[in-house]
């Protein structure tokens, strides 16, 4: 990927990463490495511990997630993150806005003759 493509992917990822994390927590609590693994399953969403843990701390401070320490079968206890009612509401708001935003961007990227940029 060229430098511009990497910069574009990075900026897009920054814009949606917190909502992807909230979506991953929708069904059950998860710990940080688990979230990194699930994000990495989609290559453009691959991120680092240096990004995910500050993001999780911010989501906690903002009331979107709660945490709980749980014993680990190997190693020290793990901090699990769970979606709160406020986090669920933020995710629902994003899910409602995303298709409109995506369609708007697609509108501008699509050439009137049917070609894409």
C-alpha atoms as a PDB file:
ATOM      1  CA  UNK A   1       0.000   0.000   0.000  1.00  0.00           C
ATOM      2  CA  UNK A   2       1.356   3.401  -0.866  1.00  0.00           C
ATOM      3  CA  UNK A   3       1.898   6.155   1.694  1.00  0.00           C
ATOM      4  CA  UNK A   4      -1.344   7.973   0.822  1.00  0.00           C
ATOM      5  CA  UNK A   5      -3.335   4.721   1.035  1.00  0.00           C
ATOM      6  CA  UNK A   6      -1.849   3.965   4.438  1.00  0.00           C
ATOM      7  CA  UNK A   7      -2.695   7.442   5.673  1.00  0.00           C
ATOM      8  CA  UNK A   8      -6.278   7.157   4.396  1.00  0.00           C
ATOM      9  CA  UNK A   9      -6.780   3.756   6.047  1.00  0.00           C
ATOM     10  CA  UNK A  10      -5.306   5.050   9.294  1.00  0.00           C
ATOM     11  CA  UNK A  11      -7.615   8.075   9.375  1.00  0.00           C
ATOM     12  CA  UNK A  12     -10.694   6.000   8.520  1.00  0.00           C
ATOM     13  CA  UNK A  13      -9.793   3.439  11.201  1.00  0.00           C
ATOM     14  CA  UNK A  14      -9.383   6.203  13.817  1.00  0.00           C
ATOM     15  CA  UNK A  15     -12.835   7.497  12.973  1.00  0.00           C
ATOM     16  CA  UNK A  16     -14.663   4.200  13.452  1.00  0.00           C
ATOM     17  CA  UNK A  17     -12.482   2.148  15.799  1.00  0.00           C
ATOM     18  CA  UNK A  18     -14.328   3.006  19.005  1.00  0.00           C
ATOM     19  CA  UNK A  19     -17.646   1.956  17.469  1.00  0.00           C
ATOM     20  CA  UNK A  20     -16.157  -1.298  16.205  1.00  0.00           C
ATOM     21  CA  UNK A  21     -14.936  -1.975  19.757  1.00  0.00           C
ATOM     22  CA  UNK A  22     -18.385  -1.184  21.166  1.00  0.00           C
ATOM     23  CA  UNK A  23     -19.908  -3.551  18.588  1.00  0.00           C
ATOM     24  CA  UNK A  24     -17.501  -6.324  19.621  1.00  0.00           C
ATOM     25  CA  UNK A  25     -18.660  -5.871  23.230  1.00  0.00           C
ATOM     26  CA  UNK A  26     -22.352  -5.976  22.299  1.00  0.00           C
ATOM     27  CA  UNK A  27     -22.860  -9.674  23.111  1.00  0.00           C
ATOM     28  CA  UNK A  28     -20.360 -10.341  25.890  1.00  0.00           C
ATOM     29  CA  UNK A  29     -17.491  -8.794  27.865  1.00  0.00           C
ATOM     30  CA  UNK A  30     -14.013  -9.214  26.379  1.00  0.00           C
ATOM     31  CA  UNK A  31     -10.460  -8.436  27.420  1.00  0.00           C
ATOM     32  CA  UNK A  32      -8.024  -6.276  25.459  1.00  0.00           C
ATOM     33  CA  UNK A  33      -6.050  -8.965  23.619  1.00  0.00           C
ATOM     34  CA  UNK A  34      -9.321 -10.630  22.616  1.00  0.00           C
ATOM     35  CA  UNK A  35     -10.488  -7.342  21.092  1.00  0.00           C
ATOM     36  CA  UNK A  36      -7.175  -6.908  19.250  1.00  0.00           C
ATOM     37  CA  UNK A  37      -7.472 -10.425  17.815  1.00  0.00           C
ATOM     38  CA  UNK A  38     -11.039  -9.878  16.616  1.00  0.00           C
ATOM     39  CA  UNK A  39     -10.186  -6.502  15.086  1.00  0.00           C
ATOM     40  CA  UNK A  40      -7.166  -8.030  13.324  1.00  0.00           C
ATOM     41  CA  UNK A  41      -9.428 -10.594  11.644  1.00  0.00           C
ATOM     42  CA  UNK A  42     -10.338  -7.710   9.292  1.00  0.00           C
ATOM     43  CA  UNK A  43      -6.999  -6.433   7.988  1.00  0.00           C
ATOM     44  CA  UNK A  44      -7.895  -2.738   7.714  1.00  0.00           C
ATOM     45  CA  UNK A  45      -8.964  -2.749  11.385  1.00  0.00           C
ATOM     46  CA  UNK A  46      -5.674  -4.143  12.712  1.00  0.00           C
ATOM     47  CA  UNK A  47      -4.435  -1.944  15.522  1.00  0.00           C
ATOM     48  CA  UNK A  48      -1.956  -2.107  18.393  1.00  0.00           C
ATOM     49  CA  UNK A  49      -2.042  -2.363  22.173  1.00  0.00           C
ATOM     50  CA  UNK A  50      -0.768   1.217  22.218  1.00  0.00           C
ATOM     51  CA  UNK A  51      -4.004   2.257  20.518  1.00  0.00           C
ATOM     52  CA  UNK A  52      -6.579  -0.103  22.027  1.00  0.00           C
ATOM     53  CA  UNK A  53      -5.790   0.346  25.725  1.00  0.00           C
ATOM     54  CA  UNK A  54      -5.947   4.167  25.727  1.00  0.00           C
ATOM     55  CA  UNK A  55      -9.181   3.874  23.726  1.00  0.00           C
ATOM     56  CA  UNK A  56     -10.640   1.447  26.272  1.00  0.00           C
ATOM     57  CA  UNK A  57      -9.611   3.777  29.114  1.00  0.00           C
ATOM     58  CA  UNK A  58     -11.347   6.681  27.408  1.00  0.00           C
ATOM     59  CA  UNK A  59     -14.491   4.599  26.774  1.00  0.00           C
ATOM     60  CA  UNK A  60     -14.492   3.708  30.477  1.00  0.00           C
ATOM     61  CA  UNK A  61     -14.085   7.349  31.576  1.00  0.00           C
ATOM     62  CA  UNK A  62     -16.929   8.358  29.242  1.00  0.00           C
ATOM     63  CA  UNK A  63     -19.191   5.669  30.728  1.00  0.00           C
ATOM     64  CA  UNK A  64     -19.505   3.552  27.571  1.00  0.00           C
ATOM     65  CA  UNK A  65     -17.869   0.492  29.144  1.00  0.00           C
ATOM     66  CA  UNK A  66     -17.411  -0.949  32.623  1.00  0.00           C
ATOM     67  CA  UNK A  67     -14.526  -3.175  33.652  1.00  0.00           C
ATOM     68  CA  UNK A  68     -14.111  -6.219  35.840  1.00  0.00           C
ATOM     69  CA  UNK A  69     -10.978  -8.150  36.787  1.00  0.00           C
ATOM     70  CA  UNK A  70     -11.302 -11.906  36.271  1.00  0.00           C
ATOM     71  CA  UNK A  71      -8.872 -14.668  37.073  1.00  0.00           C
ATOM     72  CA  UNK A  72      -7.022 -16.036  34.066  1.00  0.00           C
ATOM     73  CA  UNK A  73      -6.302 -19.728  33.519  1.00  0.00           C
ATOM     74  CA  UNK A  74      -2.743 -18.639  32.677  1.00  0.00           C
ATOM     75  CA  UNK A  75      -1.022 -15.578  34.029  1.00  0.00           C
ATOM     76  CA  UNK A  76      -2.354 -12.585  35.934  1.00  0.00           C
ATOM     77  CA  UNK A  77      -6.034 -11.613  36.140  1.00  0.00           C
ATOM     78  CA  UNK A  78      -7.517 -10.058  33.000  1.00  0.00           C
ATOM     79  CA  UNK A  79      -9.508  -6.841  32.784  1.00  0.00           C
ATOM     80  CA  UNK A  80     -12.756  -7.511  30.934  1.00  0.00           C
ATOM     81  CA  UNK A  81     -14.685  -4.698  29.295  1.00  0.00           C
ATOM     82  CA  UNK A  82     -18.486  -4.738  29.124  1.00  0.00           C
ATOM     83  CA  UNK A  83     -20.854  -2.445  27.276  1.00  0.00           C
ATOM     84  CA  UNK A  84     -22.979  -0.139  29.455  1.00  0.00           C
ATOM     85  CA  UNK A  85     -26.418   1.264  28.631  1.00  0.00           C
ATOM     86  CA  UNK A  86     -24.689   4.487  27.545  1.00  0.00           C
ATOM     87  CA  UNK A  87     -22.342   2.481  25.301  1.00  0.00           C
ATOM     88  CA  UNK A  88     -25.297   0.619  23.804  1.00  0.00           C
ATOM     89  CA  UNK A  89     -26.994   3.944  23.049  1.00  0.00           C
ATOM     90  CA  UNK A  90     -23.812   5.342  21.435  1.00  0.00           C
ATOM     91  CA  UNK A  91     -23.486   2.215  19.299  1.00  0.00           C
ATOM     92  CA  UNK A  92     -27.143   2.459  18.222  1.00  0.00           C
ATOM     93  CA  UNK A  93     -26.658   6.125  17.295  1.00  0.00           C
ATOM     94  CA  UNK A  94     -23.586   5.271  15.215  1.00  0.00           C
ATOM     95  CA  UNK A  95     -25.360   2.314  13.566  1.00  0.00           C
ATOM     96  CA  UNK A  96     -28.165   4.654  12.551  1.00  0.00           C
ATOM     97  CA  UNK A  97     -25.843   7.329  11.175  1.00  0.00           C
ATOM     98  CA  UNK A  98     -23.338   5.030   9.443  1.00  0.00           C
ATOM     99  CA  UNK A  99     -25.426   3.967   6.403  1.00  0.00           C
ATOM    100  CA  UNK A 100     -26.294   7.611   5.629  1.00  0.00           C
ATOM    101  CA  UNK A 101     -22.654   8.637   5.974  1.00  0.00           C
ATOM    102  CA  UNK A 102     -21.413   5.670   3.913  1.00  0.00           C
ATOM    103  CA  UNK A 103     -23.980   6.361   1.179  1.00  0.00           C
ATOM    104  CA  UNK A 104     -23.032  10.056   1.108  1.00  0.00           C
ATOM    105  CA  UNK A 105     -19.338   9.240   0.659  1.00  0.00           C
ATOM    106  CA  UNK A 106     -20.193   6.631  -2.004  1.00  0.00           C
ATOM    107  CA  UNK A 107     -22.225   9.310  -3.805  1.00  0.00           C
ATOM    108  CA  UNK A 108     -19.189  11.575  -4.077  1.00  0.00           C
ATOM    109  CA  UNK A 109     -16.813   8.766  -5.028  1.00  0.00           C
ATOM    110  CA  UNK A 110     -19.004   7.415  -7.795  1.00  0.00           C
ATOM    111  CA  UNK A 111     -18.478   8.971 -11.199  1.00  0.00           C
ATOM    112  CA  UNK A 112     -21.733  10.047 -12.899  1.00  0.00           C
ATOM    113  CA  UNK A 113     -20.792   7.729 -15.803  1.00  0.00           C
ATOM    114  CA  UNK A 114     -20.685   4.794 -13.384  1.00  0.00           C
ATOM    115  CA  UNK A 115     -16.912   4.628 -12.925  1.00  0.00           C
ATOM    116  CA  UNK A 116     -15.393   4.778  -9.438  1.00  0.00           C
ATOM    117  CA  UNK A 117     -12.481   6.979  -8.447  1.00  0.00           C
END
